[in-house]
Amino acid sequence: MKEKIQHARSIFTSAVIVAALGYFVDIYDLLLFSVVWKPSLKDIGISPDALVPTGEMLINIQMTGLLLGGILWGVMGDKRGRLSVLFGSIVTYSLANILNGFIDEVWQYGLLRFIAGIGLAGELGAGITLVAESLPKEKRGWGTMLVAAVGVSGAVFASMMWRVLSDNGQDISAWRTCYFIGGALGLALLIMRIGVYESGMFTNLVSQHVERGNFLKLFTDRERFLRYLRCVLVGLPTWFSIGVLVTFCQSFAEQLGVRGTVESGIAIMYAYSGITVGDFAAGYLSQILRSRRKALVSFLLITALGFVLYFTARGASAAYFYAIITLIGFGTGFWAVVVTNAAEQFGTNLRNTVATTVPNFIRGSLPVLMLLYKGLQTLLPPLQSAAVVAALCIAVPLLAVYYSAETYGKDLEYVEV
């Protein structure tokens, strides 16, 4: 018992706790749009026919911000330190979300979603890097598992806040308060970060005068580039699932003839409940099996099963459809392992750049996947088009994992030359 208590204490460090809470706020703000996009657009006067196209445009704008922000914060984290990113990113997205509560035009919505996207891009990568570099190599998987599992529950909280504040959707103006809450939570978190120390590995690196944070270095060497590309491709199913299958589940449910009402806000809550449990399970499995690769393959196969059930749920009940969405969430709950694997693949002088850009390139892949999905609709119905993209989102990551190196227990104190 004493050993278990000591083990728990060695994992629940200030870096892990603050990174987990930071990611919680990050995910709350990031997924809030997926919860409130329809009522918020209705509230500012968008016509029913323009709701879906406008919603797709805004989520693409937000994801573009994430893509650019990933590069900005990733490079800054390797040049100026992990803590500089944790402070700077949260100020950016917190203020953007507070201002988002005051908008009344689509262009204002788009501008603030872009700025918020830039801010939201830095939180996870810097937090995972700080935790991975602070814990012993045999325990860092437990720490990153806790960061991701606690963090993704922020999406469930976002859905619950919307349902409570809006009286189950009766008061559509409550979306503004939801944005205010997200911004306030972020600013409050800044106080907690004052007592967190910089990574010892980064501090040691600074004294060596090694080139740090050179993003282009990821593309100047074939082996390094392929290593980086594989890290990105592994995570393709995560944001396709949330950004398409869950966010627009009402439309797919109608095409499938699902009996009963399916709402995207409730679907987000079920999906992220599954993701929260999945992150614990995937992280636990990777530690027990002592293998990131085996855990990733296992959860990709679970996601594949969820996709098959989703696209064959014709005439199913709404409850069954929500259960499938929960299963897909569980299957894509390997986010912690994806980011941990990316951080472990690269040296200290590029680690934050990789750990920050990889999850945001994965998120930023959503506009590309949506373009593919839209393009296929010139040949196939929407449902079949989504099924083709879903199949690609399983096959490509499986190949990426197959050609990736195992990183469990790897010593991280080295540099990329």
Protein backbone atom coordinates (compact mmCIF):
# COMPACT_ATOMS: atom_id res chain seq x y z
CA MET A 1 0.00 0.00 0.00
CA LYS A 2 2.81 2.39 0.95
CA GLU A 3 4.50 1.76 -2.40
CA LYS A 4 1.25 2.51 -4.25
CA ILE A 5 0.85 5.81 -2.38
CA GLN A 6 4.44 6.78 -3.19
CA HIS A 7 3.86 5.80 -6.84
CA ALA A 8 0.76 8.02 -7.01
CA ARG A 9 2.57 10.94 -5.39
CA SER A 10 5.43 10.65 -7.86
CA ILE A 11 2.94 11.02 -10.72
CA PHE A 12 0.67 13.74 -9.29
CA THR A 13 3.30 16.48 -9.54
CA SER A 14 2.47 20.17 -9.90
CA ALA A 15 3.40 19.96 -13.60
CA VAL A 16 0.95 17.08 -14.20
CA ILE A 17 -1.89 18.72 -12.24
CA VAL A 18 -1.53 22.13 -13.90
CA ALA A 19 -1.09 20.61 -17.37
CA ALA A 20 -4.21 18.47 -16.86
CA LEU A 21 -6.34 21.42 -15.71
CA GLY A 22 -4.96 23.56 -18.53
CA TYR A 23 -5.92 20.96 -21.09
CA PHE A 24 -9.38 20.69 -19.45
CA VAL A 25 -9.97 24.39 -20.10
CA ASP A 26 -8.41 24.08 -23.55
CA ILE A 27 -10.79 21.29 -24.60
CA TYR A 28 -13.78 23.08 -23.04
CA ASP A 29 -13.08 26.12 -25.20
CA LEU A 30 -12.10 24.12 -28.27
CA LEU A 31 -15.22 21.93 -28.32
CA LEU A 32 -17.65 24.58 -27.12
CA PHE A 33 -18.20 25.69 -30.70
CA SER A 34 -19.22 22.16 -31.69
CA VAL A 35 -21.82 22.27 -28.90
CA VAL A 36 -23.28 25.74 -29.49
CA TRP A 37 -22.66 26.41 -33.18
CA LYS A 38 -26.29 25.97 -34.27
CA PRO A 39 -28.05 27.97 -31.48
CA SER A 40 -25.38 30.68 -31.60
CA LEU A 41 -25.78 31.12 -35.36
CA LYS A 42 -29.55 31.15 -35.03
CA ASP A 43 -29.25 33.76 -32.28
CA ILE A 44 -27.25 36.15 -34.47
CA GLY A 45 -29.77 35.82 -37.29
CA ILE A 46 -28.39 33.21 -39.71
CA SER A 47 -31.12 31.65 -41.85
CA PRO A 48 -31.88 27.92 -41.47
CA ASP A 49 -30.58 27.14 -44.98
CA ALA A 50 -27.24 28.81 -44.22
CA LEU A 51 -26.65 27.19 -40.79
CA VAL A 52 -24.64 24.14 -41.89
CA PRO A 53 -22.47 25.94 -44.51
CA THR A 54 -21.72 28.74 -42.03
CA GLY A 55 -20.96 26.24 -39.26
CA GLU A 56 -18.58 24.32 -41.54
CA MET A 57 -16.85 27.56 -42.54
CA LEU A 58 -16.34 28.64 -38.91
CA ILE A 59 -14.98 25.30 -37.75
CA ASN A 60 -12.54 25.34 -40.69
CA ILE A 61 -11.43 28.85 -39.68
CA GLN A 62 -10.87 27.68 -36.11
CA MET A 63 -8.89 24.65 -37.30
CA THR A 64 -6.76 26.87 -39.56
CA GLY A 65 -5.92 28.97 -36.51
CA LEU A 66 -4.92 25.80 -34.69
CA LEU A 67 -2.63 24.83 -37.53
CA LEU A 68 -0.81 28.18 -37.58
CA GLY A 69 -0.80 28.42 -33.79
CA GLY A 70 0.76 24.98 -33.53
CA ILE A 71 3.82 26.19 -35.45
CA LEU A 72 4.02 29.47 -33.50
CA TRP A 73 3.78 27.94 -30.01
CA GLY A 74 5.80 24.87 -30.93
CA VAL A 75 8.79 26.92 -32.03
CA MET A 76 8.43 29.31 -29.09
CA GLY A 77 8.36 26.40 -26.62
CA ASP A 78 11.72 25.13 -27.88
CA LYS A 79 13.27 28.59 -28.11
CA ARG A 80 11.95 30.27 -24.95
CA GLY A 81 10.76 27.39 -22.80
CA ARG A 82 7.69 25.25 -22.16
CA LEU A 83 6.26 27.62 -19.52
CA SER A 84 6.24 30.61 -21.89
CA VAL A 85 3.79 28.70 -24.10
CA LEU A 86 1.59 27.64 -21.20
CA PHE A 87 1.20 31.27 -20.16
CA GLY A 88 0.97 32.91 -23.58
CA SER A 89 -1.47 30.49 -25.16
CA ILE A 90 -3.97 30.55 -22.32
CA VAL A 91 -4.08 34.36 -22.24
CA THR A 92 -4.72 34.42 -26.01
CA TYR A 93 -7.61 31.95 -26.11
CA SER A 94 -9.17 33.11 -22.84
CA LEU A 95 -9.48 36.72 -24.01
CA ALA A 96 -10.71 35.60 -27.44
CA ASN A 97 -13.45 33.48 -25.88
CA ILE A 98 -14.61 36.26 -23.58
CA LEU A 99 -14.89 38.61 -26.58
CA ASN A 100 -16.69 35.83 -28.50
CA GLY A 101 -19.57 36.21 -26.07
CA PHE A 102 -20.22 39.75 -27.37
CA ILE A 103 -20.32 39.14 -31.13
CA ASP A 104 -23.35 39.71 -33.37
CA GLU A 105 -21.87 39.24 -36.87
CA VAL A 106 -20.47 36.19 -38.66
CA TRP A 107 -17.21 37.95 -39.56
CA GLN A 108 -16.64 38.73 -35.86
CA TYR A 109 -17.34 35.09 -35.02
CA GLY A 110 -14.84 33.94 -37.62
CA LEU A 111 -12.12 36.37 -36.51
CA LEU A 112 -12.39 35.35 -32.85
CA ARG A 113 -12.55 31.63 -33.66
CA PHE A 114 -9.32 32.11 -35.64
CA ILE A 115 -7.60 33.93 -32.74
CA ALA A 116 -8.92 31.41 -30.23
CA GLY A 117 -7.67 28.60 -32.47
CA ILE A 118 -4.17 30.11 -32.44
CA GLY A 119 -4.25 30.30 -28.64
CA LEU A 120 -5.69 26.83 -28.14
CA ALA A 121 -2.90 25.33 -30.25
CA GLY A 122 -0.20 25.64 -27.60
CA GLU A 123 -1.70 24.08 -24.50
CA LEU A 124 -1.49 20.32 -25.05
CA GLY A 125 1.94 20.08 -26.68
CA ALA A 126 3.68 22.24 -24.09
CA GLY A 127 1.92 20.44 -21.23
CA ILE A 128 2.78 16.96 -22.53
CA THR A 129 6.38 18.00 -23.21
CA LEU A 130 6.78 19.46 -19.72
CA VAL A 131 5.32 16.33 -18.10
CA ALA A 132 7.33 13.91 -20.28
CA GLU A 133 10.56 15.73 -19.44
CA SER A 134 9.76 16.00 -15.73
CA LEU A 135 8.78 12.40 -14.88
CA PRO A 136 10.98 9.26 -14.87
CA LYS A 137 10.87 7.48 -18.25
CA GLU A 138 8.95 4.48 -16.84
CA LYS A 139 6.24 6.76 -15.41
CA ARG A 140 5.80 9.49 -18.01
CA GLY A 141 3.08 7.47 -19.76
CA TRP A 142 1.01 7.56 -16.56
CA GLY A 143 1.47 11.32 -16.31
CA THR A 144 0.53 12.08 -19.89
CA MET A 145 -2.43 9.70 -19.57
CA LEU A 146 -3.76 11.77 -16.66
CA VAL A 147 -3.24 15.03 -18.54
CA ALA A 148 -5.21 13.86 -21.57
CA ALA A 149 -7.95 12.00 -19.66
CA VAL A 150 -8.68 14.92 -17.34
CA GLY A 151 -8.39 17.35 -20.22
CA VAL A 152 -10.83 15.72 -22.62
CA SER A 153 -13.51 15.70 -19.92
CA GLY A 154 -13.64 19.45 -20.55
CA ALA A 155 -15.81 18.68 -23.59
CA VAL A 156 -18.33 16.87 -21.37
CA PHE A 157 -18.33 19.90 -19.08
CA ALA A 158 -18.95 22.19 -22.07
CA SER A 159 -21.97 20.13 -23.10
CA MET A 160 -23.31 20.04 -19.54
CA MET A 161 -22.87 23.81 -19.13
CA TRP A 162 -24.82 24.45 -22.33
CA ARG A 163 -27.68 22.17 -21.31
CA VAL A 164 -27.91 23.64 -17.80
CA LEU A 165 -27.58 27.31 -18.77
CA SER A 166 -29.89 27.02 -21.78
CA ASP A 167 -32.50 24.93 -19.93
CA ASN A 168 -31.96 22.04 -22.38
CA GLY A 169 -31.77 24.34 -25.39
CA GLN A 170 -34.79 26.50 -24.58
CA ASP A 171 -32.71 29.67 -24.11
CA ILE A 172 -30.48 29.91 -27.18
CA SER A 173 -28.80 33.10 -25.92
CA ALA A 174 -27.02 31.05 -23.20
CA TRP A 175 -24.18 30.30 -25.64
CA ARG A 176 -22.71 33.71 -24.76
CA THR A 177 -22.45 32.78 -21.08
CA CYS A 178 -20.76 29.51 -22.04
CA TYR A 179 -18.01 31.45 -23.81
CA PHE A 180 -17.65 33.81 -20.83
CA ILE A 181 -17.18 30.82 -18.51
CA GLY A 182 -14.47 29.35 -20.72
CA GLY A 183 -12.53 32.60 -20.79
CA ALA A 184 -12.87 33.09 -17.03
CA LEU A 185 -11.65 29.54 -16.31
CA GLY A 186 -8.58 30.15 -18.43
CA LEU A 187 -7.64 33.39 -16.71
CA ALA A 188 -8.15 31.80 -13.29
CA LEU A 189 -5.78 28.99 -14.27
CA LEU A 190 -2.95 31.50 -14.76
CA ILE A 191 -2.69 31.89 -10.99
CA MET A 192 -2.07 28.16 -10.55
CA ARG A 193 0.78 28.20 -13.05
CA ILE A 194 2.93 30.60 -11.05
CA GLY A 195 4.45 27.81 -8.93
CA VAL A 196 5.31 25.45 -11.82
CA TYR A 197 9.00 25.05 -12.72
CA GLU A 198 10.57 24.87 -16.17
CA SER A 199 11.70 21.50 -17.55
CA GLY A 200 15.17 20.53 -16.32
CA MET A 201 16.00 19.03 -19.73
CA PHE A 202 15.22 22.34 -21.43
CA THR A 203 17.24 24.30 -18.87
CA ASN A 204 20.24 22.01 -19.47
CA LEU A 205 19.81 22.40 -23.22
CA VAL A 206 19.95 26.21 -23.04
CA SER A 207 23.38 26.04 -21.44
CA GLN A 208 24.65 23.90 -24.34
CA HIS A 209 23.88 26.58 -26.97
CA VAL A 210 22.27 24.03 -29.29
CA GLU A 211 19.99 25.26 -32.10
CA ARG A 212 16.41 25.01 -30.84
CA GLY A 213 12.96 25.19 -32.38
CA ASN A 214 13.98 25.14 -36.05
CA PHE A 215 10.68 24.01 -37.56
CA LEU A 216 12.20 23.65 -41.05
CA LYS A 217 14.63 21.09 -39.67
CA LEU A 218 11.74 18.62 -39.64
CA PHE A 219 11.70 18.75 -43.46
CA THR A 220 15.41 18.86 -44.34
CA ASP A 221 16.13 15.21 -43.53
CA ARG A 222 14.12 12.41 -45.16
CA GLU A 223 14.18 10.07 -42.16
CA ARG A 224 13.22 12.87 -39.73
CA PHE A 225 10.40 14.06 -42.00
CA LEU A 226 8.93 10.55 -42.38
CA ARG A 227 9.17 10.08 -38.61
CA TYR A 228 7.25 13.34 -38.15
CA LEU A 229 4.67 12.55 -40.85
CA ARG A 230 3.88 9.19 -39.26
CA CYS A 231 3.23 10.93 -35.93
CA VAL A 232 0.63 13.14 -37.64
CA LEU A 233 -1.06 10.41 -39.70
CA VAL A 234 -1.66 8.20 -36.65
CA GLY A 235 -4.20 10.68 -35.27
CA LEU A 236 -6.37 11.18 -38.37
CA PRO A 237 -9.50 9.39 -37.02
CA THR A 238 -9.73 11.59 -33.91
CA TRP A 239 -10.78 14.86 -35.49
CA PHE A 240 -12.62 13.36 -38.42
CA SER A 241 -14.82 11.61 -35.85
CA ILE A 242 -15.50 14.74 -33.81
CA GLY A 243 -15.43 17.31 -36.60
CA VAL A 244 -17.66 15.41 -39.02
CA LEU A 245 -19.39 12.32 -37.62
CA VAL A 246 -20.26 13.83 -34.23
CA THR A 247 -20.63 17.56 -34.96
CA PHE A 248 -22.96 16.87 -37.93
CA CYS A 249 -24.54 13.70 -36.53
CA GLN A 250 -28.05 15.11 -36.88
CA SER A 251 -27.70 15.18 -40.66
CA PHE A 252 -26.25 11.65 -40.80
CA ALA A 253 -28.97 10.36 -38.45
CA GLU A 254 -31.64 11.71 -40.82
CA GLN A 255 -29.97 10.02 -43.79
CA LEU A 256 -29.84 6.74 -41.86
CA GLY A 257 -33.45 7.04 -40.76
CA VAL A 258 -32.56 6.93 -37.06
CA ARG A 259 -35.69 6.86 -34.91
CA GLY A 260 -35.90 9.72 -32.42
CA THR A 261 -34.07 13.02 -32.06
CA VAL A 262 -30.29 13.17 -32.30
CA GLU A 263 -28.62 16.39 -31.13
CA SER A 264 -24.99 17.35 -31.73
CA GLY A 265 -24.63 18.81 -28.22
CA ILE A 266 -25.68 15.54 -26.59
CA ALA A 267 -23.55 13.57 -29.07
CA ILE A 268 -20.49 15.63 -28.09
CA MET A 269 -21.14 14.77 -24.45
CA TYR A 270 -21.41 11.03 -25.19
CA ALA A 271 -18.39 11.06 -27.51
CA TYR A 272 -16.17 12.80 -24.99
CA SER A 273 -17.39 10.60 -22.17
CA GLY A 274 -16.09 7.73 -24.30
CA ILE A 275 -12.87 9.60 -25.10
CA THR A 276 -12.24 10.31 -21.41
CA VAL A 277 -12.51 6.61 -20.53
CA GLY A 278 -10.59 5.70 -23.67
CA ASP A 279 -7.67 7.96 -22.77
CA PHE A 280 -7.35 6.25 -19.41
CA ALA A 281 -7.63 2.83 -21.05
CA ALA A 282 -5.20 3.55 -23.92
CA GLY A 283 -2.62 5.09 -21.60
CA TYR A 284 -3.00 2.21 -19.14
CA LEU A 285 -2.68 -0.36 -21.94
CA SER A 286 0.47 1.28 -23.30
CA GLN A 287 2.05 1.13 -19.83
CA ILE A 288 0.97 -2.46 -19.10
CA LEU A 289 2.04 -3.72 -22.54
CA ARG A 290 5.13 -1.48 -22.37
CA SER A 291 4.37 -0.51 -25.95
CA ARG A 292 2.88 2.63 -27.53
CA ARG A 293 2.50 0.84 -30.89
CA LYS A 294 0.38 -2.05 -29.58
CA ALA A 295 -1.93 0.36 -27.74
CA LEU A 296 -2.38 2.51 -30.86
CA VAL A 297 -3.22 -0.49 -33.08
CA SER A 298 -5.71 -1.83 -30.52
CA PHE A 299 -7.62 1.45 -30.35
CA LEU A 300 -7.55 2.04 -34.10
CA LEU A 301 -9.30 -1.33 -34.50
CA ILE A 302 -11.92 -0.35 -31.91
CA THR A 303 -12.49 2.90 -33.83
CA ALA A 304 -12.88 0.91 -37.06
CA LEU A 305 -15.60 -1.17 -35.41
CA GLY A 306 -17.36 2.02 -34.32
CA PHE A 307 -17.24 3.39 -37.88
CA VAL A 308 -18.77 0.20 -39.30
CA LEU A 309 -21.61 0.28 -36.77
CA TYR A 310 -22.20 4.02 -37.41
CA PHE A 311 -22.63 3.68 -41.17
CA THR A 312 -24.83 0.57 -40.89
CA ALA A 313 -27.20 1.94 -38.23
CA ARG A 314 -30.18 2.31 -40.59
CA GLY A 315 -33.46 2.55 -38.73
CA ALA A 316 -31.72 2.35 -35.35
CA SER A 317 -32.98 4.13 -32.26
CA ALA A 318 -31.43 7.40 -31.10
CA ALA A 319 -30.18 5.63 -27.97
CA TYR A 320 -28.36 3.01 -30.04
CA PHE A 321 -26.89 5.73 -32.25
CA TYR A 322 -25.59 7.57 -29.17
CA ALA A 323 -24.09 4.30 -27.95
CA ILE A 324 -22.19 3.94 -31.24
CA ILE A 325 -20.93 7.52 -30.91
CA THR A 326 -19.74 6.68 -27.38
CA LEU A 327 -17.88 3.64 -28.76
CA ILE A 328 -16.22 5.79 -31.44
CA GLY A 329 -15.24 8.22 -28.71
CA PHE A 330 -13.71 5.40 -26.68
CA GLY A 331 -11.83 4.12 -29.73
CA THR A 332 -10.39 7.54 -30.57
CA GLY A 333 -9.38 8.01 -26.94
CA PHE A 334 -5.76 7.27 -27.76
CA TRP A 335 -4.94 11.00 -27.93
CA ALA A 336 -2.57 10.85 -24.95
CA VAL A 337 -0.64 7.98 -26.52
CA VAL A 338 -0.47 9.80 -29.89
CA VAL A 339 1.01 12.97 -28.37
CA THR A 340 3.28 11.07 -25.96
CA ASN A 341 4.56 8.97 -28.85
CA ALA A 342 5.28 12.15 -30.85
CA ALA A 343 7.14 13.76 -27.94
CA GLU A 344 9.22 10.62 -27.43
CA GLN A 345 10.20 10.39 -31.11
CA PHE A 346 12.32 13.59 -31.12
CA GLY A 347 15.20 15.26 -29.27
CA THR A 348 14.85 18.01 -26.67
CA ASN A 349 15.70 20.81 -29.13
CA LEU A 350 12.69 19.91 -31.32
CA ARG A 351 10.44 18.10 -28.85
CA ASN A 352 8.03 20.94 -28.05
CA THR A 353 7.85 21.90 -31.72
CA VAL A 354 6.83 18.34 -32.57
CA ALA A 355 4.53 17.76 -29.58
CA THR A 356 2.69 21.03 -30.30
CA THR A 357 2.51 20.90 -34.09
CA VAL A 358 1.56 17.21 -34.35
CA PRO A 359 -1.79 17.46 -32.49
CA ASN A 360 -2.57 20.71 -34.29
CA PHE A 361 -1.69 19.33 -37.70
CA ILE A 362 -4.01 16.45 -36.81
CA ARG A 363 -6.70 18.98 -35.89
CA GLY A 364 -5.77 21.03 -38.95
CA SER A 365 -6.27 17.98 -41.15
CA LEU A 366 -10.00 18.37 -40.62
CA PRO A 367 -10.45 21.01 -43.37
CA VAL A 368 -8.55 18.71 -45.78
CA LEU A 369 -10.69 15.72 -44.80
CA MET A 370 -13.83 17.84 -45.16
CA LEU A 371 -12.72 18.94 -48.64
CA LEU A 372 -12.21 15.28 -49.55
CA TYR A 373 -15.60 14.46 -48.08
CA LYS A 374 -17.25 17.28 -50.06
CA GLY A 375 -15.37 16.33 -53.23
CA LEU A 376 -16.51 12.72 -53.04
CA GLN A 377 -20.12 13.93 -52.94
CA THR A 378 -19.86 14.70 -56.66
CA LEU A 379 -19.62 10.93 -57.13
CA LEU A 380 -21.37 9.45 -54.07
CA PRO A 381 -24.18 10.36 -51.64
CA PRO A 382 -23.02 12.17 -48.44
CA LEU A 383 -23.26 9.07 -46.24
CA GLN A 384 -21.16 6.91 -48.56
CA SER A 385 -18.67 9.77 -49.04
CA ALA A 386 -18.17 9.98 -45.27
CA ALA A 387 -17.74 6.19 -45.11
CA VAL A 388 -14.93 6.29 -47.69
CA VAL A 389 -13.08 9.01 -45.77
CA ALA A 390 -13.60 7.04 -42.54
CA ALA A 391 -12.02 3.95 -44.12
CA LEU A 392 -8.99 5.99 -45.18
CA CYS A 393 -8.74 7.37 -41.63
CA ILE A 394 -8.20 3.82 -40.37
CA ALA A 395 -6.01 2.33 -43.11
CA VAL A 396 -3.48 5.20 -43.25
CA PRO A 397 -2.86 5.37 -39.45
CA LEU A 398 -2.41 1.59 -39.25
CA LEU A 399 0.35 1.83 -41.88
CA ALA A 400 1.90 4.76 -39.99
CA VAL A 401 2.03 2.77 -36.75
CA TYR A 402 3.49 -0.25 -38.55
CA TYR A 403 6.48 1.79 -39.75
CA SER A 404 6.96 3.74 -36.48
CA ALA A 405 9.61 2.93 -33.88
CA GLU A 406 8.65 1.86 -30.36
CA THR A 407 9.33 4.64 -27.81
CA TYR A 408 8.24 3.19 -24.47
CA GLY A 409 10.96 3.74 -21.86
CA LYS A 410 13.13 5.73 -24.25
CA ASP A 411 15.71 8.13 -22.74
CA LEU A 412 14.64 11.64 -23.81
CA GLU A 413 17.77 13.62 -22.95
CA TYR A 414 19.28 13.93 -26.43
CA VAL A 415 19.18 16.41 -29.32
CA GLU A 416 18.41 16.27 -33.03
CA VAL A 417 21.55 17.03 -35.04
